[in-house]
Amino acid sequence: MTRPGDPDSHDRATSSRIDALAVGQAGERQLMCTGWVGEHPQGGGDVAHLLLYPAGHGVADRMRTLATGLGLGPGDQPLRHLDREEVHAWLDDDSHVHVQGPGGEVAERPVPGAWRSAATTRGYLVLSIGMDPLVWRTGDWDALDRWLARGRHQLGLVDVVAR
């Protein structure tokens, strides 16, 4: 599994609408975003993953509202492609992924070449919304695996469209 990027360099999501829906007015300081290339949760093979999660405790209900609003479901159920008209992603020329949700909200994050390649090869990415903070140290990818294994996130497949 390729996991590009340094865990300490996770970017804060930049969408004020998504952040406000998820965590309130101070959302941009509280919503974190990271990505990696890893195994498809149900189909195997490499796929681009994008994870939004809270920086602190106490916002699980609002994160759940965000996940439901985007149409994500529990990881123990079959993954489904989200409605392209409601939620989609695109890659810009500056190596950023943008996720657009209902009403035009956009989350943005820089991504490395391997992530971009996986997203364009599959034509979609796995979007996950976590209910709990993710605490880890540089290079501690086992911490991410343990966090994901707890199942306190919802996910779906988001089409990557040409822009």
N, C-alpha and C. Protein backbone atom coordinates (compact mmCIF):
# COMPACT_ATOMS: atom_id res chain seq x y z
N MET A 1 0.84 -1.17 0.00
CA MET A 1 0.00 0.00 0.00
C MET A 1 0.89 1.23 0.00
N THR A 2 0.57 2.17 -0.86
CA THR A 2 1.28 3.44 -0.91
C THR A 2 0.51 4.46 -0.10
N ARG A 3 1.19 5.12 0.78
CA ARG A 3 0.55 6.15 1.59
C ARG A 3 1.38 7.41 1.49
N PRO A 4 1.15 8.19 0.43
CA PRO A 4 1.98 9.36 0.22
C PRO A 4 1.70 10.44 1.26
N GLY A 5 2.71 11.21 1.51
CA GLY A 5 2.54 12.37 2.39
C GLY A 5 2.93 12.06 3.82
N ASP A 6 3.26 13.08 4.51
CA ASP A 6 3.64 13.00 5.90
C ASP A 6 2.40 13.24 6.75
N PRO A 7 2.06 12.34 7.67
CA PRO A 7 0.86 12.53 8.48
C PRO A 7 0.83 13.87 9.20
N ASP A 8 1.96 14.45 9.51
CA ASP A 8 1.97 15.74 10.19
C ASP A 8 1.59 16.88 9.27
N SER A 9 1.53 16.62 7.97
CA SER A 9 1.23 17.70 7.03
C SER A 9 -0.21 17.67 6.57
N HIS A 10 -1.08 16.97 7.27
CA HIS A 10 -2.48 16.91 6.88
C HIS A 10 -3.05 18.32 6.81
N ASP A 11 -3.82 18.53 5.77
CA ASP A 11 -4.36 19.86 5.53
C ASP A 11 -5.74 20.00 6.15
N ARG A 12 -6.03 21.19 6.55
CA ARG A 12 -7.37 21.50 7.01
C ARG A 12 -8.23 21.68 5.77
N ALA A 13 -9.45 21.17 5.83
CA ALA A 13 -10.37 21.34 4.71
C ALA A 13 -10.64 22.83 4.54
N THR A 14 -10.89 23.25 3.31
CA THR A 14 -11.03 24.67 3.06
C THR A 14 -12.45 25.11 2.78
N SER A 15 -13.42 24.23 2.78
CA SER A 15 -14.78 24.61 2.44
C SER A 15 -15.52 25.18 3.63
N SER A 16 -15.93 26.44 3.54
CA SER A 16 -16.65 27.03 4.66
C SER A 16 -18.03 26.41 4.82
N ARG A 17 -18.71 26.06 3.73
CA ARG A 17 -20.05 25.48 3.83
C ARG A 17 -19.97 24.07 4.41
N ILE A 18 -19.10 23.24 3.90
CA ILE A 18 -18.96 21.89 4.45
C ILE A 18 -18.51 21.97 5.89
N ASP A 19 -17.55 22.83 6.18
CA ASP A 19 -17.07 22.96 7.55
C ASP A 19 -18.18 23.41 8.48
N ALA A 20 -18.98 24.38 8.04
CA ALA A 20 -20.06 24.90 8.88
C ALA A 20 -21.08 23.81 9.14
N LEU A 21 -21.42 23.04 8.12
CA LEU A 21 -22.36 21.94 8.29
C LEU A 21 -21.79 20.92 9.26
N ALA A 22 -20.50 20.65 9.16
CA ALA A 22 -19.90 19.60 9.97
C ALA A 22 -19.64 20.03 11.40
N VAL A 23 -19.05 21.18 11.58
CA VAL A 23 -18.56 21.50 12.91
C VAL A 23 -18.86 22.91 13.39
N GLY A 24 -19.72 23.64 12.73
CA GLY A 24 -20.10 24.96 13.21
C GLY A 24 -19.23 26.06 12.64
N GLN A 25 -19.38 27.25 13.18
CA GLN A 25 -18.72 28.43 12.63
C GLN A 25 -17.21 28.34 12.63
N ALA A 26 -16.62 27.65 13.59
CA ALA A 26 -15.16 27.55 13.65
C ALA A 26 -14.67 26.33 12.89
N GLY A 27 -15.49 25.83 11.97
CA GLY A 27 -15.21 24.58 11.29
C GLY A 27 -13.87 24.47 10.63
N GLU A 28 -13.42 25.54 9.97
CA GLU A 28 -12.18 25.43 9.22
C GLU A 28 -11.01 25.10 10.12
N ARG A 29 -11.07 25.48 11.37
CA ARG A 29 -10.00 25.14 12.31
C ARG A 29 -10.19 23.76 12.91
N GLN A 30 -11.36 23.15 12.70
CA GLN A 30 -11.67 21.90 13.36
C GLN A 30 -11.77 20.69 12.44
N LEU A 31 -11.85 20.90 11.14
CA LEU A 31 -12.03 19.80 10.21
C LEU A 31 -10.72 19.52 9.50
N MET A 32 -10.23 18.29 9.62
CA MET A 32 -8.96 17.90 9.02
C MET A 32 -9.22 17.04 7.80
N CYS A 33 -8.25 17.00 6.90
CA CYS A 33 -8.39 16.24 5.66
C CYS A 33 -7.06 15.58 5.35
N THR A 34 -7.09 14.31 4.98
CA THR A 34 -5.89 13.62 4.54
C THR A 34 -6.25 12.65 3.43
N GLY A 35 -5.26 12.17 2.74
CA GLY A 35 -5.48 11.22 1.66
C GLY A 35 -4.35 10.24 1.55
N TRP A 36 -4.63 9.11 0.92
CA TRP A 36 -3.62 8.08 0.70
C TRP A 36 -4.11 7.18 -0.44
N VAL A 37 -3.20 6.39 -0.97
CA VAL A 37 -3.55 5.36 -1.94
C VAL A 37 -3.48 4.04 -1.20
N GLY A 38 -4.57 3.30 -1.24
CA GLY A 38 -4.61 2.03 -0.53
C GLY A 38 -5.60 1.08 -1.18
N GLU A 39 -5.81 -0.01 -0.52
CA GLU A 39 -6.68 -1.05 -1.04
C GLU A 39 -8.14 -0.60 -1.04
N HIS A 40 -8.84 -0.97 -2.11
CA HIS A 40 -10.27 -0.71 -2.18
C HIS A 40 -10.93 -1.48 -1.03
N PRO A 41 -11.78 -0.82 -0.23
CA PRO A 41 -12.35 -1.48 0.95
C PRO A 41 -13.15 -2.74 0.66
N GLN A 42 -13.69 -2.87 -0.56
CA GLN A 42 -14.49 -4.05 -0.86
C GLN A 42 -14.07 -4.76 -2.13
N GLY A 43 -13.30 -4.10 -2.98
CA GLY A 43 -12.97 -4.72 -4.25
C GLY A 43 -11.51 -5.05 -4.45
N GLY A 44 -10.65 -4.66 -3.52
CA GLY A 44 -9.23 -4.88 -3.69
C GLY A 44 -8.64 -3.93 -4.72
N GLY A 45 -7.35 -3.95 -4.86
CA GLY A 45 -6.67 -3.07 -5.80
C GLY A 45 -6.52 -1.66 -5.26
N ASP A 46 -5.62 -0.90 -5.85
CA ASP A 46 -5.34 0.45 -5.39
C ASP A 46 -6.46 1.42 -5.74
N VAL A 47 -6.76 2.29 -4.80
CA VAL A 47 -7.76 3.33 -4.99
C VAL A 47 -7.34 4.54 -4.16
N ALA A 48 -7.69 5.73 -4.63
CA ALA A 48 -7.40 6.95 -3.89
C ALA A 48 -8.43 7.12 -2.77
N HIS A 49 -7.95 7.41 -1.58
CA HIS A 49 -8.80 7.65 -0.41
C HIS A 49 -8.67 9.10 0.01
N LEU A 50 -9.78 9.68 0.44
CA LEU A 50 -9.80 11.02 1.02
C LEU A 50 -10.62 10.92 2.29
N LEU A 51 -10.05 11.39 3.40
CA LEU A 51 -10.68 11.28 4.71
C LEU A 51 -10.81 12.66 5.34
N LEU A 52 -12.03 13.02 5.72
CA LEU A 52 -12.30 14.22 6.51
C LEU A 52 -12.63 13.75 7.92
N TYR A 53 -12.03 14.39 8.93
CA TYR A 53 -12.28 13.99 10.31
C TYR A 53 -12.11 15.21 11.21
N PRO A 54 -12.74 15.18 12.38
CA PRO A 54 -12.63 16.34 13.27
C PRO A 54 -11.28 16.39 13.97
N ALA A 55 -10.83 17.61 14.23
CA ALA A 55 -9.57 17.78 14.95
C ALA A 55 -9.75 17.56 16.45
N GLY A 56 -10.98 17.66 16.93
CA GLY A 56 -11.23 17.50 18.36
C GLY A 56 -12.48 16.69 18.62
N HIS A 57 -12.74 16.42 19.89
CA HIS A 57 -13.91 15.64 20.28
C HIS A 57 -15.16 16.51 20.35
N GLY A 58 -16.30 15.84 20.41
CA GLY A 58 -17.55 16.55 20.65
C GLY A 58 -18.32 16.96 19.42
N VAL A 59 -17.89 16.53 18.24
CA VAL A 59 -18.60 16.93 17.02
C VAL A 59 -19.10 15.73 16.20
N ALA A 60 -19.15 14.56 16.82
CA ALA A 60 -19.55 13.35 16.08
C ALA A 60 -20.92 13.51 15.43
N ASP A 61 -21.88 14.12 16.13
CA ASP A 61 -23.21 14.30 15.55
C ASP A 61 -23.15 15.17 14.31
N ARG A 62 -22.36 16.22 14.36
CA ARG A 62 -22.25 17.10 13.20
C ARG A 62 -21.49 16.43 12.06
N MET A 63 -20.51 15.60 12.38
CA MET A 63 -19.80 14.85 11.34
C MET A 63 -20.76 13.85 10.69
N ARG A 64 -21.60 13.22 11.51
CA ARG A 64 -22.60 12.29 10.99
C ARG A 64 -23.58 13.01 10.06
N THR A 65 -23.97 14.24 10.44
CA THR A 65 -24.85 15.05 9.60
C THR A 65 -24.19 15.34 8.26
N LEU A 66 -22.91 15.68 8.28
CA LEU A 66 -22.17 15.92 7.04
C LEU A 66 -22.15 14.66 6.18
N ALA A 67 -21.82 13.52 6.78
CA ALA A 67 -21.74 12.26 6.03
C ALA A 67 -23.09 11.90 5.42
N THR A 68 -24.15 12.05 6.20
CA THR A 68 -25.49 11.76 5.70
C THR A 68 -25.88 12.72 4.59
N GLY A 69 -25.56 14.01 4.77
CA GLY A 69 -25.86 15.01 3.76
C GLY A 69 -25.18 14.75 2.44
N LEU A 70 -24.01 14.14 2.49
CA LEU A 70 -23.28 13.81 1.26
C LEU A 70 -23.71 12.46 0.69
N GLY A 71 -24.48 11.68 1.46
CA GLY A 71 -24.96 10.39 0.98
C GLY A 71 -24.04 9.22 1.29
N LEU A 72 -23.13 9.40 2.25
CA LEU A 72 -22.21 8.33 2.62
C LEU A 72 -22.91 7.29 3.49
N GLY A 73 -22.39 6.08 3.50
CA GLY A 73 -22.98 5.02 4.31
C GLY A 73 -21.92 4.30 5.13
N PRO A 74 -22.36 3.43 6.04
CA PRO A 74 -21.43 2.67 6.88
C PRO A 74 -20.52 1.78 6.04
N GLY A 75 -19.31 1.60 6.53
CA GLY A 75 -18.32 0.80 5.81
C GLY A 75 -18.64 -0.67 5.75
N ASP A 76 -19.56 -1.15 6.60
CA ASP A 76 -19.88 -2.58 6.58
C ASP A 76 -20.99 -2.90 5.58
N GLN A 77 -21.45 -1.90 4.84
CA GLN A 77 -22.45 -2.11 3.79
C GLN A 77 -21.78 -1.91 2.43
N PRO A 78 -22.37 -2.45 1.37
CA PRO A 78 -21.76 -2.27 0.05
C PRO A 78 -21.58 -0.78 -0.28
N LEU A 79 -20.40 -0.46 -0.78
CA LEU A 79 -20.14 0.92 -1.18
C LEU A 79 -20.96 1.27 -2.41
N ARG A 80 -21.40 2.50 -2.45
CA ARG A 80 -22.14 2.92 -3.63
C ARG A 80 -21.54 4.21 -4.16
N HIS A 81 -21.70 4.39 -5.47
CA HIS A 81 -21.29 5.64 -6.09
C HIS A 81 -22.30 6.71 -5.71
N LEU A 82 -21.80 7.83 -5.26
CA LEU A 82 -22.68 8.94 -4.92
C LEU A 82 -23.17 9.60 -6.20
N ASP A 83 -24.33 10.22 -6.14
CA ASP A 83 -24.92 10.91 -7.27
C ASP A 83 -23.96 12.00 -7.75
N ARG A 84 -23.50 11.87 -8.98
CA ARG A 84 -22.53 12.80 -9.55
C ARG A 84 -23.04 14.25 -9.55
N GLU A 85 -24.34 14.42 -9.67
CA GLU A 85 -24.92 15.77 -9.65
C GLU A 85 -24.84 16.39 -8.25
N GLU A 86 -24.82 15.55 -7.23
CA GLU A 86 -24.77 16.03 -5.84
C GLU A 86 -23.35 16.14 -5.30
N VAL A 87 -22.53 15.14 -5.58
CA VAL A 87 -21.17 15.09 -5.05
C VAL A 87 -20.24 14.58 -6.15
N HIS A 88 -19.17 15.31 -6.39
CA HIS A 88 -18.15 14.86 -7.33
C HIS A 88 -16.81 15.52 -6.98
N ALA A 89 -15.77 15.05 -7.62
CA ALA A 89 -14.43 15.58 -7.37
C ALA A 89 -13.77 15.89 -8.71
N TRP A 90 -12.81 16.78 -8.67
CA TRP A 90 -11.98 17.04 -9.84
C TRP A 90 -10.58 17.37 -9.38
N LEU A 91 -9.63 17.21 -10.30
CA LEU A 91 -8.23 17.48 -10.04
C LEU A 91 -7.82 18.71 -10.83
N ASP A 92 -7.15 19.65 -10.18
CA ASP A 92 -6.72 20.84 -10.92
C ASP A 92 -5.28 20.67 -11.38
N ASP A 93 -4.78 21.67 -12.10
CA ASP A 93 -3.42 21.60 -12.64
C ASP A 93 -2.34 21.81 -11.58
N ASP A 94 -2.74 22.23 -10.40
CA ASP A 94 -1.79 22.47 -9.31
C ASP A 94 -1.71 21.30 -8.33
N SER A 95 -2.15 20.12 -8.76
CA SER A 95 -2.10 18.91 -7.94
C SER A 95 -2.94 19.00 -6.68
N HIS A 96 -4.14 19.54 -6.81
CA HIS A 96 -5.12 19.57 -5.72
C HIS A 96 -6.34 18.78 -6.15
N VAL A 97 -6.96 18.11 -5.18
CA VAL A 97 -8.27 17.50 -5.42
C VAL A 97 -9.30 18.45 -4.80
N HIS A 98 -10.40 18.60 -5.50
CA HIS A 98 -11.52 19.42 -5.02
C HIS A 98 -12.73 18.50 -4.93
N VAL A 99 -13.48 18.58 -3.84
CA VAL A 99 -14.71 17.81 -3.69
C VAL A 99 -15.86 18.80 -3.59
N GLN A 100 -16.81 18.64 -4.49
CA GLN A 100 -17.99 19.51 -4.49
C GLN A 100 -19.17 18.71 -3.99
N GLY A 101 -19.89 19.30 -3.04
CA GLY A 101 -21.06 18.66 -2.46
C GLY A 101 -22.32 19.42 -2.81
N PRO A 102 -23.43 19.04 -2.22
CA PRO A 102 -24.71 19.72 -2.49
C PRO A 102 -24.58 21.23 -2.27
N GLY A 103 -25.11 21.98 -3.19
CA GLY A 103 -25.06 23.43 -3.06
C GLY A 103 -23.74 24.04 -3.49
N GLY A 104 -22.81 23.25 -4.00
CA GLY A 104 -21.56 23.77 -4.53
C GLY A 104 -20.42 23.87 -3.54
N GLU A 105 -20.57 23.34 -2.34
CA GLU A 105 -19.49 23.40 -1.37
C GLU A 105 -18.27 22.64 -1.88
N VAL A 106 -17.10 23.13 -1.56
CA VAL A 106 -15.88 22.49 -2.04
C VAL A 106 -14.89 22.29 -0.89
N ALA A 107 -14.37 21.08 -0.76
CA ALA A 107 -13.22 20.81 0.11
C ALA A 107 -12.04 20.63 -0.83
N GLU A 108 -10.87 21.07 -0.42
CA GLU A 108 -9.70 21.04 -1.30
C GLU A 108 -8.50 20.55 -0.51
N ARG A 109 -7.63 19.79 -1.21
CA ARG A 109 -6.43 19.28 -0.57
C ARG A 109 -5.37 19.00 -1.63
N PRO A 110 -4.11 19.33 -1.37
CA PRO A 110 -3.05 18.93 -2.31
C PRO A 110 -2.87 17.41 -2.27
N VAL A 111 -2.58 16.83 -3.41
CA VAL A 111 -2.36 15.38 -3.49
C VAL A 111 -1.12 15.10 -4.33
N PRO A 112 -0.38 14.05 -3.97
CA PRO A 112 0.81 13.69 -4.74
C PRO A 112 0.44 12.93 -6.02
N GLY A 113 1.42 12.72 -6.87
CA GLY A 113 1.20 12.08 -8.17
C GLY A 113 0.59 10.70 -8.09
N ALA A 114 1.00 9.87 -7.12
CA ALA A 114 0.45 8.52 -7.00
C ALA A 114 -1.04 8.56 -6.68
N TRP A 115 -1.45 9.50 -5.85
CA TRP A 115 -2.87 9.66 -5.51
C TRP A 115 -3.65 10.09 -6.73
N ARG A 116 -3.12 11.07 -7.43
CA ARG A 116 -3.76 11.58 -8.65
C ARG A 116 -3.91 10.47 -9.68
N SER A 117 -2.87 9.68 -9.84
CA SER A 117 -2.90 8.57 -10.80
C SER A 117 -3.97 7.54 -10.42
N ALA A 118 -4.05 7.19 -9.15
CA ALA A 118 -5.05 6.21 -8.70
C ALA A 118 -6.46 6.74 -8.93
N ALA A 119 -6.68 8.03 -8.66
CA ALA A 119 -8.01 8.63 -8.83
C ALA A 119 -8.41 8.67 -10.31
N THR A 120 -7.47 9.00 -11.18
CA THR A 120 -7.82 9.08 -12.60
C THR A 120 -7.94 7.69 -13.22
N THR A 121 -7.14 6.74 -12.77
CA THR A 121 -7.23 5.38 -13.31
C THR A 121 -8.57 4.76 -12.98
N ARG A 122 -9.02 4.89 -11.74
CA ARG A 122 -10.31 4.32 -11.32
C ARG A 122 -11.49 5.18 -11.78
N GLY A 123 -11.26 6.49 -11.88
CA GLY A 123 -12.35 7.40 -12.21
C GLY A 123 -13.19 7.78 -11.00
N TYR A 124 -12.74 7.39 -9.83
CA TYR A 124 -13.44 7.74 -8.58
C TYR A 124 -12.46 7.65 -7.43
N LEU A 125 -12.91 8.18 -6.29
CA LEU A 125 -12.13 8.08 -5.05
C LEU A 125 -13.06 7.60 -3.96
N VAL A 126 -12.47 7.09 -2.89
CA VAL A 126 -13.25 6.70 -1.70
C VAL A 126 -13.22 7.88 -0.74
N LEU A 127 -14.39 8.46 -0.49
CA LEU A 127 -14.51 9.57 0.46
C LEU A 127 -15.01 9.00 1.78
N SER A 128 -14.29 9.29 2.85
CA SER A 128 -14.69 8.86 4.20
C SER A 128 -14.83 10.08 5.09
N ILE A 129 -15.85 10.05 5.94
CA ILE A 129 -16.06 11.08 6.95
C ILE A 129 -15.96 10.38 8.29
N GLY A 130 -14.99 10.78 9.10
CA GLY A 130 -14.80 10.17 10.41
C GLY A 130 -15.55 10.92 11.49
N MET A 131 -15.99 10.19 12.50
CA MET A 131 -16.73 10.79 13.61
C MET A 131 -15.80 11.24 14.74
N ASP A 132 -14.61 10.67 14.80
CA ASP A 132 -13.68 10.91 15.90
C ASP A 132 -12.37 11.48 15.39
N PRO A 133 -11.64 12.20 16.25
CA PRO A 133 -10.31 12.68 15.86
C PRO A 133 -9.38 11.52 15.56
N LEU A 134 -8.42 11.78 14.72
CA LEU A 134 -7.38 10.81 14.40
C LEU A 134 -6.08 11.36 14.95
N VAL A 135 -5.50 10.66 15.90
CA VAL A 135 -4.26 11.10 16.52
C VAL A 135 -3.17 10.11 16.13
N TRP A 136 -2.10 10.64 15.57
CA TRP A 136 -1.00 9.76 15.17
C TRP A 136 0.30 10.55 15.10
N ARG A 137 1.37 9.80 15.02
CA ARG A 137 2.70 10.39 14.89
C ARG A 137 3.21 10.14 13.48
N THR A 138 4.19 10.90 13.08
CA THR A 138 4.77 10.76 11.74
C THR A 138 5.10 9.31 11.44
N GLY A 139 4.58 8.83 10.31
CA GLY A 139 4.88 7.47 9.86
C GLY A 139 4.13 6.36 10.56
N ASP A 140 3.26 6.66 11.49
CA ASP A 140 2.53 5.63 12.23
C ASP A 140 1.25 5.26 11.50
N TRP A 141 1.42 4.58 10.36
CA TRP A 141 0.26 4.21 9.54
C TRP A 141 -0.57 3.14 10.21
N ASP A 142 -0.01 2.41 11.16
CA ASP A 142 -0.80 1.44 11.92
C ASP A 142 -1.89 2.15 12.72
N ALA A 143 -1.61 3.38 13.17
CA ALA A 143 -2.62 4.16 13.91
C ALA A 143 -3.82 4.43 13.02
N LEU A 144 -3.59 4.75 11.74
CA LEU A 144 -4.70 4.95 10.81
C LEU A 144 -5.47 3.66 10.63
N ASP A 145 -4.76 2.54 10.46
CA ASP A 145 -5.44 1.25 10.30
C ASP A 145 -6.29 0.91 11.52
N ARG A 146 -5.78 1.17 12.72
CA ARG A 146 -6.56 0.91 13.94
C ARG A 146 -7.78 1.83 14.00
N TRP A 147 -7.59 3.08 13.64
CA TRP A 147 -8.70 4.05 13.66
C TRP A 147 -9.78 3.60 12.68
N LEU A 148 -9.40 3.22 11.47
CA LEU A 148 -10.37 2.76 10.47
C LEU A 148 -11.08 1.48 10.92
N ALA A 149 -10.35 0.58 11.58
CA ALA A 149 -10.93 -0.68 12.02
C ALA A 149 -12.03 -0.47 13.07
N ARG A 150 -12.02 0.65 13.76
CA ARG A 150 -13.07 0.93 14.74
C ARG A 150 -14.43 1.14 14.08
N GLY A 151 -14.43 1.48 12.79
CA GLY A 151 -15.68 1.61 12.05
C GLY A 151 -16.49 2.85 12.35
N ARG A 152 -15.87 3.88 12.91
CA ARG A 152 -16.60 5.11 13.24
C ARG A 152 -16.44 6.14 12.12
N HIS A 153 -16.70 5.67 10.90
CA HIS A 153 -16.66 6.54 9.75
C HIS A 153 -17.68 6.04 8.72
N GLN A 154 -18.06 6.93 7.83
CA GLN A 154 -18.97 6.56 6.75
C GLN A 154 -18.27 6.88 5.45
N LEU A 155 -18.59 6.12 4.41
CA LEU A 155 -17.88 6.31 3.17
C LEU A 155 -18.74 6.05 1.94
N GLY A 156 -18.23 6.52 0.81
CA GLY A 156 -18.88 6.32 -0.47
C GLY A 156 -17.87 6.58 -1.58
N LEU A 157 -18.27 6.25 -2.79
CA LEU A 157 -17.41 6.43 -3.95
C LEU A 157 -17.83 7.70 -4.66
N VAL A 158 -16.86 8.58 -4.89
CA VAL A 158 -17.11 9.88 -5.51
C VAL A 158 -16.44 9.89 -6.88
N ASP A 159 -17.22 10.15 -7.92
CA ASP A 159 -16.67 10.22 -9.27
C ASP A 159 -15.71 11.38 -9.40
N VAL A 160 -14.62 11.14 -10.12
CA VAL A 160 -13.67 12.21 -10.47
C VAL A 160 -14.03 12.62 -11.89
N VAL A 161 -14.41 13.88 -12.05
CA VAL A 161 -14.89 14.38 -13.33
C VAL A 161 -13.88 15.35 -13.94
N ALA A 162 -13.96 15.52 -15.25
CA ALA A 162 -13.12 16.51 -15.94
C ALA A 162 -13.69 17.88 -15.63
N ARG A 163 -12.82 18.84 -15.50
CA ARG A 163 -13.28 20.20 -15.18
C ARG A 163 -12.68 21.17 -16.16
